[in-house]
């Protein structure tokens, strides 16, 4: 009987295990997770869960009994510390050795933290990656407290929105010239800067953190412009790094993530990777996608390929972010864009930003505009690029752009 061992019980790992069963795999499946709780959704952690609008059980991807019913051996609170690719075994932190026939690495990524020299080890300094992070932070989310958020990407902005809605004083600093600089056009940065300022968030761009200060617990911050702040706690949102140490120690090739081919195979025989940890090919370029959609789709493709289906995986990037009453939906990847065209909606706050690389439509940011998000997504997947003048013309029947 074939034994598939999956290391990492997040969205990708859970999706891979479930897909094996739904596709008819009858061998043994072991899903190993380092956390004490079953696989759960991460996006609500920095939104509904932190706001107290979602109970922990609602985060779970499947009820506990699903894993027993599907004959998935779910090993929680368990860490894999070594892979022996030659002998096809994994070693757990308690020295137990498990044999596998096929091994899938769905180990995700880790938040980048501040070094100790910058105050990263002080109490009251939080990341936002997993359930324990959200639980540790929740008691600090008290009205009128002052929180410093370090990093103006989507995680930092989502945390700022939650804090502002909870009545905290919020200061967000971004070392780059503008928030979202790494992932979005200036037009999108402008939209969200205005949104946060309207909710009382102070945004400081082009200013980084020199160090956090305090006697055991953070109480202040020194910024790179020489200014100082009194703060009650801090949230670090400066990105994530793929969890590659386990793979690297086993001699598996890594390149900004665990290197995979178009089928999800790594450089080691019988070892696969999917999700945030995996580096995959997208139109000839090696990328790593940090999204729920990719975690599910890539993991399900790997499940099929473990079963010999020989299915190539081509990412169809899509993302979202909820901030206040704004839902941002993103289709495609804006890498290498040369122009951005703005389409305004009929009501304030509704608009979409269309990214072109020369004459090719490559991505869309849609703010409270689900209709144009879906139209943009379908156009990108069909490799169709309307004339920019049609995009910006309020009279254009956008749905008509989908017609042959």
Protein backbone atom coordinates (compact mmCIF):
# COMPACT_ATOMS: atom_id res chain seq x y z
CA UNK A 1 0.00 0.00 0.00
CA UNK A 2 1.35 3.44 -0.96
CA UNK A 3 1.93 5.82 1.95
CA UNK A 4 1.75 9.57 1.23
CA UNK A 5 3.17 11.76 3.98
CA UNK A 6 2.28 15.47 3.90
CA UNK A 7 4.41 17.81 6.02
CA UNK A 8 2.55 21.01 6.84
CA UNK A 9 -1.13 21.11 7.85
CA UNK A 10 -2.16 24.46 6.42
CA UNK A 11 -4.39 25.25 3.46
CA UNK A 12 -2.16 23.45 0.95
CA UNK A 13 -1.59 20.36 3.08
CA UNK A 14 -5.26 19.95 3.94
CA UNK A 15 -6.27 20.47 0.30
CA UNK A 16 -3.75 17.89 -0.89
CA UNK A 17 -4.93 15.26 1.60
CA UNK A 18 -8.61 15.83 0.80
CA UNK A 19 -7.97 15.74 -2.95
CA UNK A 20 -6.15 12.43 -2.73
CA UNK A 21 -9.26 10.90 -1.17
CA UNK A 22 -11.78 12.58 -3.47
CA UNK A 23 -9.78 11.37 -6.49
CA UNK A 24 -9.98 7.79 -5.23
CA UNK A 25 -6.57 7.28 -3.62
CA UNK A 26 -6.87 4.25 -1.36
CA UNK A 27 -3.41 4.21 0.22
CA UNK A 28 -2.30 5.56 3.58
CA UNK A 29 -2.30 9.35 4.11
CA UNK A 30 -0.52 11.06 7.00
CA UNK A 31 -0.86 14.83 7.47
CA UNK A 32 1.62 16.32 9.94
CA UNK A 33 1.13 19.78 11.45
CA UNK A 34 3.22 21.72 13.95
CA UNK A 35 0.23 23.55 15.48
CA UNK A 36 -2.14 22.09 18.06
CA UNK A 37 -5.29 22.84 16.06
CA UNK A 38 -6.55 21.26 12.82
CA UNK A 39 -5.98 23.02 9.48
CA UNK A 40 -7.64 26.44 9.40
CA UNK A 41 -8.09 29.56 7.28
CA UNK A 42 -5.40 32.19 7.77
CA UNK A 43 -6.86 35.27 5.99
CA UNK A 44 -9.57 35.92 8.64
CA UNK A 45 -6.94 36.03 11.39
CA UNK A 46 -6.04 39.63 10.60
CA UNK A 47 -9.66 40.57 9.91
CA UNK A 48 -12.83 38.94 11.31
CA UNK A 49 -11.12 36.79 13.93
CA UNK A 50 -9.09 39.64 15.43
CA UNK A 51 -12.23 41.79 15.44
CA UNK A 52 -14.00 39.11 17.47
CA UNK A 53 -16.48 38.48 14.65
CA UNK A 54 -15.45 34.85 14.01
CA UNK A 55 -15.07 32.03 16.51
CA UNK A 56 -12.04 29.74 16.33
CA UNK A 57 -14.12 26.76 15.20
CA UNK A 58 -15.33 28.69 12.17
CA UNK A 59 -11.72 29.06 11.06
CA UNK A 60 -11.30 25.30 10.69
CA UNK A 61 -11.24 24.11 7.07
CA UNK A 62 -12.92 20.83 8.02
CA UNK A 63 -14.49 19.51 11.22
CA UNK A 64 -12.34 17.18 13.32
CA UNK A 65 -14.30 14.09 12.28
CA UNK A 66 -13.58 14.67 8.58
CA UNK A 67 -10.02 13.43 8.93
CA UNK A 68 -11.04 10.21 10.66
CA UNK A 69 -13.89 9.65 8.20
CA UNK A 70 -11.49 10.07 5.27
CA UNK A 71 -8.82 7.88 6.87
CA UNK A 72 -6.37 10.78 7.04
CA UNK A 73 -3.95 10.30 9.92
CA UNK A 74 -3.75 13.85 11.28
CA UNK A 75 -0.71 14.32 13.49
CA UNK A 76 -0.95 17.68 15.28
CA UNK A 77 1.55 19.43 17.55
CA UNK A 78 4.23 17.46 15.70
CA UNK A 79 7.34 18.69 13.93
CA UNK A 80 9.39 17.02 11.22
CA UNK A 81 13.07 17.71 11.86
CA UNK A 82 14.73 15.72 9.06
CA UNK A 83 14.12 14.08 5.70
CA UNK A 84 16.14 11.13 4.47
CA UNK A 85 15.41 11.22 0.75
CA UNK A 86 17.53 8.14 0.01
CA UNK A 87 15.77 5.91 2.52
CA UNK A 88 12.41 7.69 2.12
CA UNK A 89 11.84 8.53 5.77
CA UNK A 90 11.05 11.56 7.89
CA UNK A 91 12.16 11.98 11.48
CA UNK A 92 9.92 13.69 14.02
CA UNK A 93 10.99 15.85 16.93
CA UNK A 94 10.42 12.94 19.33
CA UNK A 95 12.81 10.82 17.19
CA UNK A 96 10.00 8.72 15.68
CA UNK A 97 10.83 7.72 12.10
CA UNK A 98 8.06 7.43 9.50
CA UNK A 99 8.48 5.74 6.13
CA UNK A 100 6.90 7.25 3.03
CA UNK A 101 6.45 6.29 -0.60
CA UNK A 102 5.62 9.86 -1.66
CA UNK A 103 6.35 12.97 0.40
CA UNK A 104 4.70 16.38 -0.05
CA UNK A 105 6.13 19.52 1.54
CA UNK A 106 3.42 22.09 2.26
CA UNK A 107 5.31 23.84 5.03
CA UNK A 108 4.30 27.41 4.20
CA UNK A 109 6.30 30.45 5.22
CA UNK A 110 7.47 32.31 8.31
CA UNK A 111 6.96 36.01 9.11
CA UNK A 112 10.08 38.14 9.03
CA UNK A 113 10.74 39.47 12.52
CA UNK A 114 12.80 42.33 13.87
CA UNK A 115 16.29 41.45 15.13
CA UNK A 116 16.91 41.64 18.86
CA UNK A 117 19.13 44.68 18.27
CA UNK A 118 16.07 46.55 16.97
CA UNK A 119 13.90 45.53 19.91
CA UNK A 120 12.39 42.48 18.27
CA UNK A 121 12.56 40.43 21.50
CA UNK A 122 10.61 42.90 23.63
CA UNK A 123 7.21 41.87 24.96
CA UNK A 124 4.38 43.49 23.07
CA UNK A 125 5.96 42.97 19.63
CA UNK A 126 3.72 40.79 17.49
CA UNK A 127 3.68 39.17 14.07
CA UNK A 128 0.50 38.22 12.21
CA UNK A 129 0.85 34.79 10.67
CA UNK A 130 -0.90 32.09 12.65
CA UNK A 131 -3.62 31.54 15.22
CA UNK A 132 -1.28 31.85 18.19
CA UNK A 133 -0.13 35.25 16.89
CA UNK A 134 -3.71 36.49 16.70
CA UNK A 135 -4.55 35.09 20.14
CA UNK A 136 -1.46 36.71 21.69
CA UNK A 137 -2.29 40.07 20.12
CA UNK A 138 -6.01 40.15 20.88
CA UNK A 139 -5.74 41.34 24.54
CA UNK A 140 -3.68 44.34 23.41
CA UNK A 141 -6.40 45.50 21.01
CA UNK A 142 -7.96 47.90 23.49
CA UNK A 143 -9.50 51.24 22.52
CA UNK A 144 -7.26 54.30 22.94
CA UNK A 145 -4.05 52.23 23.06
CA UNK A 146 -1.37 53.34 20.59
CA UNK A 147 -0.16 50.66 18.18
CA UNK A 148 2.78 51.05 15.82
CA UNK A 149 2.51 48.97 12.66
CA UNK A 150 5.79 48.36 10.87
CA UNK A 151 5.27 47.70 7.18
CA UNK A 152 2.77 49.04 4.66
CA UNK A 153 1.95 45.86 2.76
CA UNK A 154 -1.42 44.14 2.83
CA UNK A 155 -0.86 42.44 6.20
CA UNK A 156 0.12 45.74 7.82
CA UNK A 157 -2.79 47.60 6.28
CA UNK A 158 -5.28 44.92 7.30
CA UNK A 159 -3.97 45.05 10.87
CA UNK A 160 -4.23 48.84 10.79
CA UNK A 161 -7.85 48.61 9.67
CA UNK A 162 -8.74 46.23 12.50
CA UNK A 163 -6.98 48.38 15.09
CA UNK A 164 -8.68 51.54 13.86
CA UNK A 165 -12.09 49.83 13.93
CA UNK A 166 -11.37 48.78 17.51
CA UNK A 167 -10.77 52.41 18.45
CA UNK A 168 -6.98 52.35 18.82
CA UNK A 169 -4.63 55.12 17.84
CA UNK A 170 -2.73 53.73 14.84
CA UNK A 171 0.58 54.81 13.36
CA UNK A 172 1.87 52.89 10.34
CA UNK A 173 5.39 53.35 9.01
CA UNK A 174 6.67 52.20 5.63
CA UNK A 175 10.34 52.40 4.75
CA UNK A 176 9.66 52.56 1.00
CA UNK A 177 8.45 55.72 -0.70
CA UNK A 178 4.83 54.55 -0.53
CA UNK A 179 2.66 51.85 0.95
CA UNK A 180 2.14 48.75 -1.25
CA UNK A 181 5.13 49.79 -3.36
CA UNK A 182 6.31 46.20 -3.87
CA UNK A 183 2.94 44.83 -4.95
CA UNK A 184 0.80 47.58 -6.47
CA UNK A 185 0.77 50.67 -8.66
CA UNK A 186 0.84 54.20 -7.21
CA UNK A 187 -2.86 54.51 -8.03
CA UNK A 188 -3.68 51.62 -5.70
CA UNK A 189 -1.38 53.02 -3.03
CA UNK A 190 -3.16 56.37 -3.29
CA UNK A 191 -6.56 54.71 -2.91
CA UNK A 192 -5.64 52.87 0.29
CA UNK A 193 -3.67 55.76 1.77
CA UNK A 194 -6.77 57.94 1.48
CA UNK A 195 -8.97 55.16 2.87
CA UNK A 196 -6.82 54.72 5.98
CA UNK A 197 -6.39 58.42 6.59
CA UNK A 198 -10.18 58.79 6.45
CA UNK A 199 -10.32 56.30 9.34
CA UNK A 200 -7.75 58.19 11.42
CA UNK A 201 -4.65 56.11 10.69
CA UNK A 202 -1.41 58.10 10.57
CA UNK A 203 0.75 56.83 7.71
CA UNK A 204 4.43 57.74 7.53
CA UNK A 205 6.04 56.80 4.21
CA UNK A 206 9.73 56.85 3.44
CA UNK A 207 10.38 56.38 7.16
CA UNK A 208 11.62 53.17 8.71
CA UNK A 209 12.21 51.86 12.19
CA UNK A 210 15.54 52.47 13.88
CA UNK A 211 14.60 50.49 16.99
CA UNK A 212 11.88 49.75 19.49
CA UNK A 213 12.59 50.73 23.08
CA UNK A 214 11.33 49.66 26.48
CA UNK A 215 12.23 47.93 29.72
CA UNK A 216 11.10 44.39 28.98
CA UNK A 217 7.92 45.55 27.25
CA UNK A 218 7.91 47.85 24.24
CA UNK A 219 7.00 51.41 25.16
CA UNK A 220 8.52 53.50 22.39
CA UNK A 221 10.04 53.64 18.95
CA UNK A 222 12.87 55.56 17.35
CA UNK A 223 12.30 56.16 13.63
CA UNK A 224 14.88 56.66 10.90
CA UNK A 225 14.05 60.36 10.61
CA UNK A 226 15.10 60.80 14.24
CA UNK A 227 11.59 61.19 15.61
CA UNK A 228 10.28 59.13 18.53
CA UNK A 229 6.89 57.67 19.40
CA UNK A 230 5.30 56.45 22.62
CA UNK A 231 3.53 53.18 21.84
CA UNK A 232 1.73 50.45 23.77
CA UNK A 233 2.56 47.63 21.37
CA UNK A 234 3.84 47.00 17.86
CA UNK A 235 2.85 44.77 14.94
CA UNK A 236 5.54 43.70 12.49
CA UNK A 237 4.26 43.21 8.94
CA UNK A 238 7.40 43.24 6.79
CA UNK A 239 6.74 40.14 4.72
CA UNK A 240 7.30 36.42 4.95
CA UNK A 241 10.07 34.00 4.03
CA UNK A 242 9.40 30.52 2.61
CA UNK A 243 10.10 27.66 5.01
CA UNK A 244 12.97 26.00 3.16
CA UNK A 245 15.30 24.86 5.97
CA UNK A 246 13.90 21.31 6.11
CA UNK A 247 14.19 20.91 2.33
CA UNK A 248 17.65 22.47 2.14
CA UNK A 249 18.97 20.20 4.89
CA UNK A 250 17.78 17.23 2.83
CA UNK A 251 19.66 18.47 -0.24
CA UNK A 252 16.54 19.58 -2.11
CA UNK A 253 17.07 22.50 -4.51
CA UNK A 254 15.65 25.84 -3.36
CA UNK A 255 15.41 29.14 -5.21
CA UNK A 256 13.33 31.75 -3.34
CA UNK A 257 11.31 28.76 -2.19
CA UNK A 258 11.42 25.01 -2.72
CA UNK A 259 12.05 24.62 -6.44
CA UNK A 260 9.33 22.68 -8.27
CA UNK A 261 8.75 21.75 -11.90
CA UNK A 262 5.47 22.22 -13.75
CA UNK A 263 4.06 19.13 -12.02
CA UNK A 264 5.06 20.08 -8.48
CA UNK A 265 8.05 17.77 -8.24
CA UNK A 266 11.14 18.89 -6.35
CA UNK A 267 14.73 17.96 -7.26
CA UNK A 268 14.49 14.85 -5.04
CA UNK A 269 12.67 11.73 -6.30
CA UNK A 270 9.23 11.12 -4.77
CA UNK A 271 9.21 14.53 -3.02
CA UNK A 272 6.74 17.25 -4.01
CA UNK A 273 5.98 20.78 -2.80
CA UNK A 274 3.00 23.13 -2.94
CA UNK A 275 1.73 26.37 -1.45
CA UNK A 276 3.58 29.35 0.00
CA UNK A 277 6.84 27.39 0.30
CA UNK A 278 6.98 26.34 -3.36
CA UNK A 279 8.71 28.16 -6.19
CA UNK A 280 6.92 27.40 -9.46
CA UNK A 281 7.03 28.44 -13.11
CA UNK A 282 4.73 31.11 -14.52
CA UNK A 283 5.15 31.94 -18.20
CA UNK A 284 8.80 30.92 -18.00
CA UNK A 285 9.54 32.94 -14.88
CA UNK A 286 10.09 31.36 -11.47
CA UNK A 287 7.73 32.85 -8.89
CA UNK A 288 6.27 32.07 -5.49
CA UNK A 289 2.62 32.91 -4.90
CA UNK A 290 1.40 33.71 -1.41
CA UNK A 291 -2.32 33.13 -1.82
CA UNK A 292 -5.09 30.79 -0.79
CA UNK A 293 -6.04 30.17 -4.41
CA UNK A 294 -2.57 29.02 -5.36
CA UNK A 295 -2.23 26.88 -2.23
CA UNK A 296 -5.42 25.00 -3.10
CA UNK A 297 -4.89 24.69 -6.85
CA UNK A 298 -1.24 23.72 -6.69
CA UNK A 299 -1.83 21.20 -3.90
CA UNK A 300 -4.69 19.58 -5.80
CA UNK A 301 -2.53 19.32 -8.92
CA UNK A 302 0.20 17.64 -6.86
CA UNK A 303 -2.37 15.19 -5.45
CA UNK A 304 -3.39 14.20 -8.96
CA UNK A 305 0.23 13.85 -10.04
CA UNK A 306 1.09 11.67 -7.06
CA UNK A 307 -1.63 9.42 -8.47
CA UNK A 308 0.06 9.45 -11.88
CA UNK A 309 -2.28 11.87 -13.68
CA UNK A 310 0.61 13.82 -15.30
CA UNK A 311 -1.11 17.21 -14.94
CA UNK A 312 0.88 20.38 -15.56
CA UNK A 313 0.11 23.23 -13.19
CA UNK A 314 -0.22 26.76 -14.56
CA UNK A 315 -0.98 29.31 -11.82
CA UNK A 316 -4.00 31.55 -12.26
CA UNK A 317 -3.10 34.24 -9.73
CA UNK A 318 -5.87 35.89 -7.73
CA UNK A 319 -5.80 37.55 -4.34
CA UNK A 320 -7.97 39.62 -2.04
CA UNK A 321 -7.77 41.96 0.93
CA UNK A 322 -10.51 43.29 3.21
CA UNK A 323 -9.96 46.70 4.82
CA UNK A 324 -12.84 48.49 6.54
CA UNK A 325 -15.75 48.25 4.10
CA UNK A 326 -13.48 47.91 1.09
CA UNK A 327 -12.94 44.57 -0.61
CA UNK A 328 -9.92 44.56 -2.88
CA UNK A 329 -9.81 41.76 -5.45
CA UNK A 330 -6.75 41.20 -7.63
CA UNK A 331 -6.48 39.10 -10.77
CA UNK A 332 -3.22 38.32 -12.54
CA UNK A 333 0.33 39.44 -11.73
CA UNK A 334 1.47 42.99 -12.42
CA UNK A 335 5.16 42.08 -12.86
CA UNK A 336 6.77 44.34 -15.45
CA UNK A 337 3.73 46.55 -16.05
CA UNK A 338 4.30 49.69 -18.10
CA UNK A 339 0.96 51.49 -17.78
CA UNK A 340 -2.02 51.58 -15.44
CA UNK A 341 -5.49 52.69 -16.53
CA UNK A 342 -8.15 53.69 -14.00
CA UNK A 343 -11.84 52.94 -14.41
CA UNK A 344 -14.10 54.82 -12.00
CA UNK A 345 -17.35 53.32 -10.79
CA UNK A 346 -20.72 55.00 -10.48
CA UNK A 347 -20.41 55.37 -6.70
CA UNK A 348 -17.55 56.71 -4.55
CA UNK A 349 -14.95 54.13 -3.63
CA UNK A 350 -15.77 51.85 -6.55
CA UNK A 351 -12.97 51.68 -9.09
CA UNK A 352 -10.55 49.35 -10.83
CA UNK A 353 -6.94 49.66 -11.95
CA UNK A 354 -5.93 47.83 -15.13
CA UNK A 355 -2.25 46.93 -15.58
CA UNK A 356 -0.79 46.68 -19.06
CA UNK A 357 2.63 45.50 -20.14
CA UNK A 358 2.88 47.44 -23.38
CA UNK A 359 -0.33 46.34 -25.15
CA UNK A 360 -1.03 43.26 -23.01
CA UNK A 361 -3.44 43.25 -20.06
CA UNK A 362 -1.69 41.42 -17.21
CA UNK A 363 -3.50 42.33 -13.97
CA UNK A 364 -6.46 44.12 -12.41
CA UNK A 365 -6.95 45.65 -8.94
CA UNK A 366 -10.67 46.05 -8.24
CA UNK A 367 -11.90 47.99 -5.21
CA UNK A 368 -15.52 47.23 -4.29
CA UNK A 369 -15.96 46.29 -7.95
CA UNK A 370 -16.52 42.51 -8.16
CA UNK A 371 -18.10 42.70 -11.60
CA UNK A 372 -15.07 44.27 -13.25
CA UNK A 373 -12.78 41.98 -11.26
CA UNK A 374 -14.45 38.94 -12.81
CA UNK A 375 -14.37 40.50 -16.27
CA UNK A 376 -10.67 41.31 -15.89
CA UNK A 377 -9.90 37.82 -14.59
CA UNK A 378 -11.62 36.17 -17.54
CA UNK A 379 -9.89 38.48 -20.03
CA UNK A 380 -6.46 37.73 -18.54
CA UNK A 381 -7.05 33.97 -18.51
CA UNK A 382 -8.20 34.14 -22.13
CA UNK A 383 -5.10 36.24 -23.01
CA UNK A 384 -7.27 39.05 -24.35
CA UNK A 385 -6.34 42.72 -24.03
CA UNK A 386 -8.97 45.39 -24.72
CA UNK A 387 -7.87 48.81 -25.91
CA UNK A 388 -7.08 50.99 -22.86
CA UNK A 389 -9.44 53.65 -24.22
CA UNK A 390 -12.30 51.18 -23.84
CA UNK A 391 -11.33 50.49 -20.24
CA UNK A 392 -11.36 54.15 -19.20
CA UNK A 393 -14.51 55.11 -21.17
CA UNK A 394 -17.51 55.19 -18.76
CA UNK A 395 -19.80 54.33 -21.67
CA UNK A 396 -18.07 51.01 -22.41
CA UNK A 397 -20.17 47.89 -21.86
CA UNK A 398 -17.47 46.00 -19.95
CA UNK A 399 -19.21 42.66 -20.25
CA UNK A 400 -19.20 43.15 -23.98
CA UNK A 401 -15.39 43.00 -23.92
CA UNK A 402 -15.72 39.26 -23.28
CA UNK A 403 -17.51 38.64 -26.57
CA UNK A 404 -15.46 37.01 -29.35
